[in-house]
Amino acid sequence: MDELALHLAREARRLGLDQEAPEATLSAFASLVLEELRAHGLLPDPAPEIGCWAQPRSSGN
């Protein structure tokens, strides 16, 4: 089993998701899963970095 699956399984157990869990706990776990998938490059980041072409506006006008 890969490291990501083990990590997510540990977090699910820690949050008590192997039993019935409150909606807030499920939401927290879903956020963690999405964050991990983005970190592994399996999902695109919804807020891409500003490219190097960005620069401050000139102060003179």
C-alpha atoms as a PDB file:
ATOM      1  CA  MET A   1       0.000   0.000   0.000  1.00  0.00           C
ATOM      2  CA  ASP A   2       1.393   3.425  -0.833  1.00  0.00           C
ATOM      3  CA  GLU A   3       2.300   6.103   1.699  1.00  0.00           C
ATOM      4  CA  LEU A   4      -0.623   8.407   0.808  1.00  0.00           C
ATOM      5  CA  ALA A   5      -3.195   5.675   1.444  1.00  0.00           C
ATOM      6  CA  LEU A   6      -1.599   4.821   4.807  1.00  0.00           C
ATOM      7  CA  HIS A   7      -1.528   8.491   5.796  1.00  0.00           C
ATOM      8  CA  LEU A   8      -5.187   8.990   4.899  1.00  0.00           C
ATOM      9  CA  ALA A   9      -6.213   5.805   6.723  1.00  0.00           C
ATOM     10  CA  ARG A  10      -4.378   6.942   9.880  1.00  0.00           C
ATOM     11  CA  GLU A  11      -6.080  10.337   9.710  1.00  0.00           C
ATOM     12  CA  ALA A  12      -9.494   8.731   9.184  1.00  0.00           C
ATOM     13  CA  ARG A  13      -9.000   6.545  12.262  1.00  0.00           C
ATOM     14  CA  ARG A  14      -7.670   9.478  14.300  1.00  0.00           C
ATOM     15  CA  LEU A  15     -10.785  11.500  13.438  1.00  0.00           C
ATOM     16  CA  GLY A  16     -13.037   8.580  14.316  1.00  0.00           C
ATOM     17  CA  LEU A  17     -14.273   8.081  10.770  1.00  0.00           C
ATOM     18  CA  ASP A  18     -14.325   4.326  11.251  1.00  0.00           C
ATOM     19  CA  GLN A  19     -17.507   5.100  13.232  1.00  0.00           C
ATOM     20  CA  GLU A  20     -20.261   7.629  12.621  1.00  0.00           C
ATOM     21  CA  ALA A  21     -18.763  11.132  12.572  1.00  0.00           C
ATOM     22  CA  PRO A  22     -20.161  14.679  12.659  1.00  0.00           C
ATOM     23  CA  GLU A  23     -20.405  16.633   9.417  1.00  0.00           C
ATOM     24  CA  ALA A  24     -17.618  19.013  10.493  1.00  0.00           C
ATOM     25  CA  THR A  25     -15.245  16.065  10.926  1.00  0.00           C
ATOM     26  CA  LEU A  26     -16.108  14.704   7.498  1.00  0.00           C
ATOM     27  CA  SER A  27     -15.542  18.139   6.000  1.00  0.00           C
ATOM     28  CA  ALA A  28     -12.135  18.421   7.700  1.00  0.00           C
ATOM     29  CA  PHE A  29     -11.130  15.017   6.336  1.00  0.00           C
ATOM     30  CA  ALA A  30     -12.305  15.913   2.826  1.00  0.00           C
ATOM     31  CA  SER A  31     -10.197  19.088   2.969  1.00  0.00           C
ATOM     32  CA  LEU A  32      -7.178  17.078   4.079  1.00  0.00           C
ATOM     33  CA  VAL A  33      -7.660  14.584   1.226  1.00  0.00           C
ATOM     34  CA  LEU A  34      -7.889  17.379  -1.359  1.00  0.00           C
ATOM     35  CA  GLU A  35      -4.803  19.083   0.083  1.00  0.00           C
ATOM     36  CA  GLU A  36      -2.820  15.839  -0.063  1.00  0.00           C
ATOM     37  CA  LEU A  37      -3.928  15.092  -3.620  1.00  0.00           C
ATOM     38  CA  ARG A  38      -2.837  18.579  -4.697  1.00  0.00           C
ATOM     39  CA  ALA A  39       0.489  18.179  -2.888  1.00  0.00           C
ATOM     40  CA  HIS A  40       1.100  14.931  -4.787  1.00  0.00           C
ATOM     41  CA  GLY A  41       0.264  16.646  -8.085  1.00  0.00           C
ATOM     42  CA  LEU A  42      -2.837  14.499  -8.608  1.00  0.00           C
ATOM     43  CA  LEU A  43      -5.224  17.480  -8.627  1.00  0.00           C
ATOM     44  CA  PRO A  44      -4.610  20.988  -9.915  1.00  0.00           C
ATOM     45  CA  ASP A  45      -4.261  23.761  -7.366  1.00  0.00           C
ATOM     46  CA  PRO A  46      -7.380  25.964  -7.518  1.00  0.00           C
ATOM     47  CA  ALA A  47      -5.317  29.093  -6.784  1.00  0.00           C
ATOM     48  CA  PRO A  48      -2.330  29.008  -9.148  1.00  0.00           C
ATOM     49  CA  GLU A  49       0.723  31.035  -8.288  1.00  0.00           C
ATOM     50  CA  ILE A  50       1.154  34.432  -9.889  1.00  0.00           C
ATOM     51  CA  GLY A  51       3.703  34.085 -12.650  1.00  0.00           C
ATOM     52  CA  CYS A  52       7.025  35.886 -12.834  1.00  0.00           C
ATOM     53  CA  TRP A  53       5.503  38.287 -15.367  1.00  0.00           C
ATOM     54  CA  ALA A  54       3.623  40.032 -12.538  1.00  0.00           C
ATOM     55  CA  GLN A  55       5.240  43.220 -11.324  1.00  0.00           C
ATOM     56  CA  PRO A  56       4.180  46.199  -9.209  1.00  0.00           C
ATOM     57  CA  ARG A  57       2.411  49.067 -10.951  1.00  0.00           C
ATOM     58  CA  SER A  58       4.495  52.103 -11.672  1.00  0.00           C
ATOM     59  CA  SER A  59       3.943  54.968  -9.248  1.00  0.00           C
ATOM     60  CA  GLY A  60       4.170  57.670 -11.920  1.00  0.00           C
ATOM     61  CA  ASN A  61       1.308  58.527 -14.206  1.00  0.00           C
END
